[in-house]
C-alpha cells in the first residue's frame, strides 16, 4: 500500500500539470506590449534620429497605421486591440 500512494500522487500531479487547450483570444481585448515591440521592430515609428511616439500610445497607433497605408481605412480594427495587432501583423507579412 505504501508504494501505491507515491505512484498515485505522481500520476495525479502529472495529470494536473497538463496544459489545457488554448482558449480563443478576445479580438477586442488589449494587445500586449510584447506584440507592440515586435510591430515596432518590423515597421519603426521613429524619424531615424531617435525621435518618435511612445510605443503603445495613440500617436504610435496612428503612425503605424499611416506607415502601412491604412489610415482612413474603415476596416482597421480599434487601435491597441488584439484584432488591430492581428491586422498590422498580417499587413507586415
PDB file of N, CA and C in Angstrom:
ATOM      1  N   UNK A   1       0.820  -1.202   0.000  1.00  0.00           N
ATOM      2  CA  UNK A   1       0.000   0.000   0.000  1.00  0.00           C
ATOM      3  C   UNK A   1       0.862   1.265   0.000  1.00  0.00           C
ATOM      4  N   UNK A   2       2.000   1.223   0.681  1.00  0.00           N
ATOM      5  CA  UNK A   2       2.846   2.413   0.759  1.00  0.00           C
ATOM      6  C   UNK A   2       3.476   2.757  -0.591  1.00  0.00           C
ATOM      7  N   UNK A   3       3.616   1.785  -1.490  1.00  0.00           N
ATOM      8  CA  UNK A   3       4.182   2.063  -2.816  1.00  0.00           C
ATOM      9  C   UNK A   3       3.119   2.640  -3.739  1.00  0.00           C
ATOM     10  N   UNK A   4       1.884   2.316  -3.510  1.00  0.00           N
ATOM     11  CA  UNK A   4       0.799   2.784  -4.371  1.00  0.00           C
ATOM     12  C   UNK A   4       0.553   4.272  -4.182  1.00  0.00           C
ATOM     13  N   UNK A   5       0.651   4.761  -2.989  1.00  0.00           N
ATOM     14  CA  UNK A   5       0.382   6.170  -2.703  1.00  0.00           C
ATOM     15  C   UNK A   5       1.316   7.110  -3.474  1.00  0.00           C
ATOM     16  N   UNK A   6       2.655   6.896  -3.435  1.00  0.00           N
ATOM     17  CA  UNK A   6       3.529   7.795  -4.209  1.00  0.00           C
ATOM     18  C   UNK A   6       3.263   7.728  -5.712  1.00  0.00           C
ATOM     19  N   UNK A   7       2.988   6.538  -6.225  1.00  0.00           N
ATOM     20  CA  UNK A   7       2.709   6.405  -7.655  1.00  0.00           C
ATOM     21  C   UNK A   7       1.414   7.119  -8.012  1.00  0.00           C
ATOM     22  N   UNK A   8       0.411   6.964  -7.163  1.00  0.00           N
ATOM     23  CA  UNK A   8      -0.864   7.636  -7.390  1.00  0.00           C
ATOM     24  C   UNK A   8      -0.691   9.145  -7.337  1.00  0.00           C
ATOM     25  N   UNK A   9       0.065   9.638  -6.364  1.00  0.00           N
ATOM     26  CA  UNK A   9       0.303  11.083  -6.262  1.00  0.00           C
ATOM     27  C   UNK A   9       1.066  11.610  -7.472  1.00  0.00           C
ATOM     28  N   UNK A  10       2.067  10.861  -7.916  1.00  0.00           N
ATOM     29  CA  UNK A  10       2.834  11.286  -9.088  1.00  0.00           C
ATOM     30  C   UNK A  10       1.951  11.342 -10.332  1.00  0.00           C
ATOM     31  N   UNK A  11       1.110  10.345 -10.495  1.00  0.00           N
ATOM     32  CA  UNK A  11       0.198  10.308 -11.639  1.00  0.00           C
ATOM     33  C   UNK A  11      -0.775  11.477 -11.581  1.00  0.00           C
ATOM     34  N   UNK A  12      -1.288  11.740 -10.397  1.00  0.00           N
ATOM     35  CA  UNK A  12      -2.225  12.851 -10.213  1.00  0.00           C
ATOM     36  C   UNK A  12      -1.560  14.187 -10.520  1.00  0.00           C
ATOM     37  N   UNK A  13      -0.343  14.377 -10.055  1.00  0.00           N
ATOM     38  CA  UNK A  13       0.376  15.625 -10.327  1.00  0.00           C
ATOM     39  C   UNK A  13       0.640  15.804 -11.815  1.00  0.00           C
ATOM     40  N   UNK A  14       1.004  14.730 -12.495  1.00  0.00           N
ATOM     41  CA  UNK A  14       1.242  14.824 -13.937  1.00  0.00           C
ATOM     42  C   UNK A  14      -0.038  15.174 -14.676  1.00  0.00           C
ATOM     43  N   UNK A  15      -1.141  14.604 -14.262  1.00  0.00           N
ATOM     44  CA  UNK A  15      -2.415  14.879 -14.917  1.00  0.00           C
ATOM     45  C   UNK A  15      -2.830  16.326 -14.696  1.00  0.00           C
ATOM     46  N   UNK A  16      -2.582  16.841 -13.518  1.00  0.00           N
ATOM     47  CA  UNK A  16      -2.968  18.224 -13.207  1.00  0.00           C
ATOM     48  C   UNK A  16      -2.084  19.240 -13.913  1.00  0.00           C
ATOM     49  N   UNK A  17      -0.855  18.833 -14.234  1.00  0.00           N
ATOM     50  CA  UNK A  17       0.054  19.794 -14.852  1.00  0.00           C
ATOM     51  C   UNK A  17      -0.088  19.858 -16.365  1.00  0.00           C
ATOM     52  N   UNK A  18      -0.878  18.972 -16.953  1.00  0.00           N
ATOM     53  CA  UNK A  18      -1.082  19.017 -18.400  1.00  0.00           C
ATOM     54  C   UNK A  18      -1.755  20.324 -18.773  1.00  0.00           C
ATOM     55  N   UNK A  19      -1.329  20.890 -19.872  1.00  0.00           N
ATOM     56  CA  UNK A  19      -1.898  22.151 -20.305  1.00  0.00           C
ATOM     57  C   UNK A  19      -3.255  21.924 -20.941  1.00  0.00           C
ATOM     58  N   UNK A  20      -4.129  22.866 -20.682  1.00  0.00           N
ATOM     59  CA  UNK A  20      -5.452  22.809 -21.290  1.00  0.00           C
ATOM     60  C   UNK A  20      -5.376  23.415 -22.676  1.00  0.00           C
ATOM     61  N   UNK A  21      -6.307  23.076 -23.555  1.00  0.00           N
ATOM     62  CA  UNK A  21      -6.296  23.683 -24.897  1.00  0.00           C
ATOM     63  C   UNK A  21      -6.346  25.201 -24.791  1.00  0.00           C
ATOM     64  N   UNK A  22      -5.609  25.846 -25.668  1.00  0.00           N
ATOM     65  CA  UNK A  22      -5.568  27.307 -25.659  1.00  0.00           C
ATOM     66  C   UNK A  22      -6.944  27.869 -25.966  1.00  0.00           C
ATOM     67  N   UNK A  23      -7.356  28.793 -25.119  1.00  0.00           N
ATOM     68  CA  UNK A  23      -8.660  29.409 -25.325  1.00  0.00           C
ATOM     69  C   UNK A  23      -8.515  30.517 -26.365  1.00  0.00           C
ATOM     70  N   UNK A  24      -9.586  30.787 -27.060  1.00  0.00           N
ATOM     71  CA  UNK A  24      -9.538  31.824 -28.079  1.00  0.00           C
ATOM     72  C   UNK A  24      -9.303  33.182 -27.429  1.00  0.00           C
ATOM     73  N   UNK A  25      -8.584  34.014 -28.125  1.00  0.00           N
ATOM     74  CA  UNK A  25      -8.261  35.346 -27.625  1.00  0.00           C
ATOM     75  C   UNK A  25      -9.339  36.316 -28.073  1.00  0.00           C
ATOM     76  N   UNK A  26      -9.824  37.089 -27.143  1.00  0.00           N
ATOM     77  CA  UNK A  26     -10.845  38.089 -27.439  1.00  0.00           C
ATOM     78  C   UNK A  26     -10.228  39.144 -28.362  1.00  0.00           C
ATOM     79  N   UNK A  27     -10.758  39.304 -29.584  1.00  0.00           N
ATOM     80  CA  UNK A  27     -10.168  40.263 -30.524  1.00  0.00           C
ATOM     81  C   UNK A  27     -10.284  41.707 -30.059  1.00  0.00           C
ATOM     82  N   UNK A  28     -11.202  41.975 -29.135  1.00  0.00           N
ATOM     83  CA  UNK A  28     -11.374  43.339 -28.645  1.00  0.00           C
ATOM     84  C   UNK A  28     -10.574  43.614 -27.382  1.00  0.00           C
ATOM     85  N   UNK A  29      -9.953  42.577 -26.826  1.00  0.00           N
ATOM     86  CA  UNK A  29      -9.114  42.760 -25.646  1.00  0.00           C
ATOM     87  C   UNK A  29      -7.845  43.498 -26.060  1.00  0.00           C
ATOM     88  N   UNK A  30      -7.231  44.192 -25.120  1.00  0.00           N
ATOM     89  CA  UNK A  30      -6.000  44.909 -25.471  1.00  0.00           C
ATOM     90  C   UNK A  30      -4.888  43.962 -25.905  1.00  0.00           C
ATOM     91  N   UNK A  31      -4.138  44.401 -26.885  1.00  0.00           N
ATOM     92  CA  UNK A  31      -2.968  43.681 -27.347  1.00  0.00           C
ATOM     93  C   UNK A  31      -1.873  43.887 -26.298  1.00  0.00           C
ATOM     94  N   UNK A  32      -0.874  43.021 -26.259  1.00  0.00           N
ATOM     95  CA  UNK A  32       0.138  43.170 -25.215  1.00  0.00           C
ATOM     96  C   UNK A  32       1.388  43.892 -25.708  1.00  0.00           C
ATOM     97  N   UNK A  33       2.164  44.355 -24.755  1.00  0.00           N
ATOM     98  CA  UNK A  33       3.366  45.150 -25.031  1.00  0.00           C
ATOM     99  C   UNK A  33       4.373  44.390 -25.889  1.00  0.00           C
ATOM    100  N   UNK A  34       4.467  43.078 -25.698  1.00  0.00           N
ATOM    101  CA  UNK A  34       5.424  42.282 -26.485  1.00  0.00           C
ATOM    102  C   UNK A  34       5.083  42.349 -27.967  1.00  0.00           C
ATOM    103  N   UNK A  35       3.808  42.291 -28.292  1.00  0.00           N
ATOM    104  CA  UNK A  35       3.414  42.376 -29.709  1.00  0.00           C
ATOM    105  C   UNK A  35       3.671  43.772 -30.254  1.00  0.00           C
ATOM    106  N   UNK A  36       3.452  44.802 -29.434  1.00  0.00           N
ATOM    107  CA  UNK A  36       3.757  46.170 -29.871  1.00  0.00           C
ATOM    108  C   UNK A  36       5.245  46.276 -30.211  1.00  0.00           C
ATOM    109  N   UNK A  37       6.090  45.691 -29.371  1.00  0.00           N
ATOM    110  CA  UNK A  37       7.539  45.741 -29.601  1.00  0.00           C
ATOM    111  C   UNK A  37       7.904  45.021 -30.896  1.00  0.00           C
ATOM    112  N   UNK A  38       7.268  43.897 -31.174  1.00  0.00           N
ATOM    113  CA  UNK A  38       7.536  43.166 -32.412  1.00  0.00           C
ATOM    114  C   UNK A  38       7.115  43.993 -33.629  1.00  0.00           C
ATOM    115  N   UNK A  39       5.970  44.650 -33.522  1.00  0.00           N
ATOM    116  CA  UNK A  39       5.495  45.501 -34.620  1.00  0.00           C
ATOM    117  C   UNK A  39       6.470  46.651 -34.832  1.00  0.00           C
ATOM    118  N   UNK A  40       6.906  47.276 -33.740  1.00  0.00           N
ATOM    119  CA  UNK A  40       7.843  48.396 -33.832  1.00  0.00           C
ATOM    120  C   UNK A  40       9.155  47.954 -34.477  1.00  0.00           C
ATOM    121  N   UNK A  41       9.591  46.743 -34.178  1.00  0.00           N
ATOM    122  CA  UNK A  41      10.833  46.230 -34.768  1.00  0.00           C
ATOM    123  C   UNK A  41      10.681  46.014 -36.271  1.00  0.00           C
ATOM    124  N   UNK A  42       9.465  45.751 -36.719  1.00  0.00           N
ATOM    125  CA  UNK A  42       9.225  45.489 -38.143  1.00  0.00           C
ATOM    126  C   UNK A  42       8.984  46.760 -38.944  1.00  0.00           C
ATOM    127  N   UNK A  43       8.312  47.711 -38.333  1.00  0.00           N
ATOM    128  CA  UNK A  43       7.994  48.960 -39.024  1.00  0.00           C
ATOM    129  C   UNK A  43       8.142  50.091 -38.009  1.00  0.00           C
ATOM    130  N   UNK A  44       9.290  50.695 -38.016  1.00  0.00           N
ATOM    131  CA  UNK A  44       9.603  51.691 -36.997  1.00  0.00           C
ATOM    132  C   UNK A  44       8.730  52.934 -37.116  1.00  0.00           C
ATOM    133  N   UNK A  45       8.404  53.479 -35.963  1.00  0.00           N
ATOM    134  CA  UNK A  45       7.585  54.697 -35.938  1.00  0.00           C
ATOM    135  C   UNK A  45       8.440  55.949 -35.800  1.00  0.00           C
ATOM    136  N   UNK A  46       9.727  55.762 -35.560  1.00  0.00           N
ATOM    137  CA  UNK A  46      10.619  56.901 -35.351  1.00  0.00           C
ATOM    138  C   UNK A  46      11.004  57.590 -36.647  1.00  0.00           C
ATOM    139  N   UNK A  47      11.722  58.704 -36.490  1.00  0.00           N
ATOM    140  CA  UNK A  47      12.123  59.505 -37.650  1.00  0.00           C
ATOM    141  C   UNK A  47      13.560  59.231 -38.085  1.00  0.00           C
ATOM    142  N   UNK A  48      14.195  58.221 -37.480  1.00  0.00           N
ATOM    143  CA  UNK A  48      15.571  57.907 -37.831  1.00  0.00           C
ATOM    144  C   UNK A  48      16.589  58.672 -37.015  1.00  0.00           C
ATOM    145  N   UNK A  49      16.148  59.685 -36.297  1.00  0.00           N
ATOM    146  CA  UNK A  49      17.045  60.486 -35.465  1.00  0.00           C
ATOM    147  C   UNK A  49      16.761  60.268 -33.981  1.00  0.00           C
ATOM    148  N   UNK A  50      16.091  59.173 -33.680  1.00  0.00           N
ATOM    149  CA  UNK A  50      15.810  58.869 -32.278  1.00  0.00           C
ATOM    150  C   UNK A  50      14.538  59.488 -31.731  1.00  0.00           C
ATOM    151  N   UNK A  51      13.761  60.114 -32.602  1.00  0.00           N
ATOM    152  CA  UNK A  51      12.511  60.743 -32.169  1.00  0.00           C
ATOM    153  C   UNK A  51      11.330  59.937 -32.677  1.00  0.00           C
ATOM    154  N   UNK A  52      10.342  59.813 -31.856  1.00  0.00           N
ATOM    155  CA  UNK A  52       9.142  59.102 -32.265  1.00  0.00           C
ATOM    156  C   UNK A  52       8.184  58.973 -31.096  1.00  0.00           C
ATOM    157  N   UNK A  53       6.988  58.544 -31.370  1.00  0.00           N
ATOM    158  CA  UNK A  53       5.991  58.419 -30.309  1.00  0.00           C
ATOM    159  C   UNK A  53       6.297  57.241 -29.382  1.00  0.00           C
ATOM    160  N   UNK A  54       5.753  57.309 -28.192  1.00  0.00           N
ATOM    161  CA  UNK A  54       5.880  56.198 -27.252  1.00  0.00           C
ATOM    162  C   UNK A  54       5.120  54.997 -27.791  1.00  0.00           C
ATOM    163  N   UNK A  55       5.769  53.844 -27.750  1.00  0.00           N
ATOM    164  CA  UNK A  55       5.138  52.617 -28.239  1.00  0.00           C
ATOM    165  C   UNK A  55       3.888  52.334 -27.418  1.00  0.00           C
ATOM    166  N   UNK A  56       2.791  52.107 -28.122  1.00  0.00           N
ATOM    167  CA  UNK A  56       1.512  51.822 -27.476  1.00  0.00           C
ATOM    168  C   UNK A  56       0.646  53.039 -27.233  1.00  0.00           C
ATOM    169  N   UNK A  57       1.159  54.221 -27.580  1.00  0.00           N
ATOM    170  CA  UNK A  57       0.360  55.449 -27.407  1.00  0.00           C
ATOM    171  C   UNK A  57      -0.562  55.640 -28.608  1.00  0.00           C
ATOM    172  N   UNK A  58      -1.523  56.510 -28.470  1.00  0.00           N
ATOM    173  CA  UNK A  58      -2.431  56.820 -29.574  1.00  0.00           C
ATOM    174  C   UNK A  58      -1.687  57.313 -30.803  1.00  0.00           C
ATOM    175  N   UNK A  59      -0.678  58.138 -30.586  1.00  0.00           N
ATOM    176  CA  UNK A  59       0.123  58.637 -31.703  1.00  0.00           C
ATOM    177  C   UNK A  59       0.861  57.494 -32.392  1.00  0.00           C
ATOM    178  N   UNK A  60       1.371  56.540 -31.599  1.00  0.00           N
ATOM    179  CA  UNK A  60       2.086  55.399 -32.165  1.00  0.00           C
ATOM    180  C   UNK A  60       1.163  54.565 -33.051  1.00  0.00           C
ATOM    181  N   UNK A  61      -0.060  54.286 -32.564  1.00  0.00           N
ATOM    182  CA  UNK A  61      -1.017  53.532 -33.382  1.00  0.00           C
ATOM    183  C   UNK A  61      -1.276  54.247 -34.702  1.00  0.00           C
ATOM    184  N   UNK A  62      -1.424  55.563 -34.635  1.00  0.00           N
ATOM    185  CA  UNK A  62      -1.689  56.357 -35.826  1.00  0.00           C
ATOM    186  C   UNK A  62      -0.527  56.293 -36.812  1.00  0.00           C
ATOM    187  N   UNK A  63       0.691  56.412 -36.300  1.00  0.00           N
ATOM    188  CA  UNK A  63       1.871  56.372 -37.172  1.00  0.00           C
ATOM    189  C   UNK A  63       2.000  55.002 -37.839  1.00  0.00           C
ATOM    190  N   UNK A  64       1.808  53.949 -37.072  1.00  0.00           N
ATOM    191  CA  UNK A  64       1.932  52.598 -37.637  1.00  0.00           C
ATOM    192  C   UNK A  64       0.875  52.396 -38.721  1.00  0.00           C
ATOM    193  N   UNK A  65      -0.340  52.793 -38.440  1.00  0.00           N
ATOM    194  CA  UNK A  65      -1.426  52.665 -39.416  1.00  0.00           C
ATOM    195  C   UNK A  65      -1.103  53.472 -40.677  1.00  0.00           C
ATOM    196  N   UNK A  66      -0.568  54.669 -40.498  1.00  0.00           N
ATOM    197  CA  UNK A  66      -0.185  55.522 -41.625  1.00  0.00           C
ATOM    198  C   UNK A  66       0.919  54.869 -42.452  1.00  0.00           C
ATOM    199  N   UNK A  67       1.950  54.363 -41.781  1.00  0.00           N
ATOM    200  CA  UNK A  67       3.081  53.758 -42.488  1.00  0.00           C
ATOM    201  C   UNK A  67       2.667  52.523 -43.281  1.00  0.00           C
ATOM    202  N   UNK A  68       1.605  51.875 -42.843  1.00  0.00           N
ATOM    203  CA  UNK A  68       1.083  50.723 -43.586  1.00  0.00           C
ATOM    204  C   UNK A  68       0.170  51.148 -44.735  1.00  0.00           C
ATOM    205  N   UNK A  69      -0.110  52.446 -44.834  1.00  0.00           N
ATOM    206  CA  UNK A  69      -1.004  52.937 -45.879  1.00  0.00           C
ATOM    207  C   UNK A  69      -2.470  52.635 -45.593  1.00  0.00           C
ATOM    208  N   UNK A  70      -2.792  52.455 -44.323  1.00  0.00           N
ATOM    209  CA  UNK A  70      -4.149  52.064 -43.943  1.00  0.00           C
ATOM    210  C   UNK A  70      -4.921  53.158 -43.209  1.00  0.00           C
ATOM    211  N   UNK A  71      -4.342  54.336 -43.047  1.00  0.00           N
ATOM    212  CA  UNK A  71      -5.050  55.404 -42.345  1.00  0.00           C
ATOM    213  C   UNK A  71      -6.304  55.754 -43.126  1.00  0.00           C
ATOM    214  N   UNK A  72      -7.414  55.859 -42.417  1.00  0.00           N
ATOM    215  CA  UNK A  72      -8.686  56.179 -43.048  1.00  0.00           C
ATOM    216  C   UNK A  72      -9.444  54.948 -43.522  1.00  0.00           C
ATOM    217  N   UNK A  73      -8.816  53.788 -43.472  1.00  0.00           N
ATOM    218  CA  UNK A  73      -9.471  52.546 -43.881  1.00  0.00           C
ATOM    219  C   UNK A  73     -10.469  52.151 -42.787  1.00  0.00           C
ATOM    220  N   UNK A  74     -11.750  52.069 -43.118  1.00  0.00           N
ATOM    221  CA  UNK A  74     -12.747  51.729 -42.096  1.00  0.00           C
ATOM    222  C   UNK A  74     -12.633  50.283 -41.599  1.00  0.00           C
ATOM    223  N   UNK A  75     -11.854  49.456 -42.279  1.00  0.00           N
ATOM    224  CA  UNK A  75     -11.686  48.065 -41.860  1.00  0.00           C
ATOM    225  C   UNK A  75     -10.597  47.886 -40.797  1.00  0.00           C
ATOM    226  N   UNK A  76      -9.859  48.947 -40.481  1.00  0.00           N
ATOM    227  CA  UNK A  76      -8.822  48.841 -39.460  1.00  0.00           C
ATOM    228  C   UNK A  76      -9.511  48.705 -38.099  1.00  0.00           C
ATOM    229  N   UNK A  77      -9.186  47.648 -37.348  1.00  0.00           N
ATOM    230  CA  UNK A  77      -9.802  47.451 -36.024  1.00  0.00           C
ATOM    231  C   UNK A  77      -9.392  48.542 -35.037  1.00  0.00           C
ATOM    232  N   UNK A  78     -10.030  48.551 -33.895  1.00  0.00           N
ATOM    233  CA  UNK A  78      -9.726  49.531 -32.856  1.00  0.00           C
ATOM    234  C   UNK A  78      -8.254  49.443 -32.459  1.00  0.00           C
ATOM    235  N   UNK A  79      -7.600  50.593 -32.434  1.00  0.00           N
ATOM    236  CA  UNK A  79      -6.182  50.652 -32.103  1.00  0.00           C
ATOM    237  C   UNK A  79      -5.916  50.029 -30.743  1.00  0.00           C
ATOM    238  N   UNK A  80      -4.893  49.190 -30.716  1.00  0.00           N
ATOM    239  CA  UNK A  80      -4.480  48.577 -29.460  1.00  0.00           C
ATOM    240  C   UNK A  80      -5.159  47.265 -29.131  1.00  0.00           C
ATOM    241  N   UNK A  81      -6.169  46.892 -29.906  1.00  0.00           N
ATOM    242  CA  UNK A  81      -6.868  45.630 -29.648  1.00  0.00           C
ATOM    243  C   UNK A  81      -6.080  44.474 -30.260  1.00  0.00           C
ATOM    244  N   UNK A  82      -6.378  43.253 -29.827  1.00  0.00           N
ATOM    245  CA  UNK A  82      -5.765  42.073 -30.441  1.00  0.00           C
ATOM    246  C   UNK A  82      -6.056  42.047 -31.938  1.00  0.00           C
ATOM    247  N   UNK A  83      -7.260  42.456 -32.314  1.00  0.00           N
ATOM    248  CA  UNK A  83      -7.629  42.485 -33.729  1.00  0.00           C
ATOM    249  C   UNK A  83      -6.742  43.478 -34.493  1.00  0.00           C
ATOM    250  N   UNK A  84      -6.406  44.603 -33.871  1.00  0.00           N
ATOM    251  CA  UNK A  84      -5.533  45.588 -34.509  1.00  0.00           C
ATOM    252  C   UNK A  84      -4.149  44.984 -34.720  1.00  0.00           C
ATOM    253  N   UNK A  85      -3.620  44.338 -33.685  1.00  0.00           N
ATOM    254  CA  UNK A  85      -2.298  43.703 -33.814  1.00  0.00           C
ATOM    255  C   UNK A  85      -2.324  42.640 -34.903  1.00  0.00           C
ATOM    256  N   UNK A  86      -3.376  41.835 -34.945  1.00  0.00           N
ATOM    257  CA  UNK A  86      -3.509  40.819 -35.995  1.00  0.00           C
ATOM    258  C   UNK A  86      -3.519  41.474 -37.374  1.00  0.00           C
ATOM    259  N   UNK A  87      -4.281  42.555 -37.506  1.00  0.00           N
ATOM    260  CA  UNK A  87      -4.395  43.290 -38.770  1.00  0.00           C
ATOM    261  C   UNK A  87      -3.024  43.799 -39.213  1.00  0.00           C
ATOM    262  N   UNK A  88      -2.294  44.437 -38.297  1.00  0.00           N
ATOM    263  CA  UNK A  88      -0.993  45.002 -38.620  1.00  0.00           C
ATOM    264  C   UNK A  88      -0.017  43.898 -38.976  1.00  0.00           C
ATOM    265  N   UNK A  89       0.017  42.845 -38.169  1.00  0.00           N
ATOM    266  CA  UNK A  89       0.949  41.748 -38.436  1.00  0.00           C
ATOM    267  C   UNK A  89       0.656  41.088 -39.789  1.00  0.00           C
ATOM    268  N   UNK A  90      -0.600  40.979 -40.144  1.00  0.00           N
ATOM    269  CA  UNK A  90      -0.957  40.407 -41.449  1.00  0.00           C
ATOM    270  C   UNK A  90      -0.444  41.287 -42.579  1.00  0.00           C
ATOM    271  N   UNK A  91      -0.510  42.608 -42.397  1.00  0.00           N
ATOM    272  CA  UNK A  91      -0.033  43.537 -43.433  1.00  0.00           C
ATOM    273  C   UNK A  91       1.484  43.503 -43.541  1.00  0.00           C
ATOM    274  N   UNK A  92       2.153  43.202 -42.443  1.00  0.00           N
ATOM    275  CA  UNK A  92       3.623  43.164 -42.435  1.00  0.00           C
ATOM    276  C   UNK A  92       4.156  41.884 -43.056  1.00  0.00           C
ATOM    277  N   UNK A  93       3.340  40.863 -43.089  1.00  0.00           N
ATOM    278  CA  UNK A  93       3.801  39.565 -43.629  1.00  0.00           C
ATOM    279  C   UNK A  93       3.531  39.418 -45.072  1.00  0.00           C
TER     280      UNK A  93
END
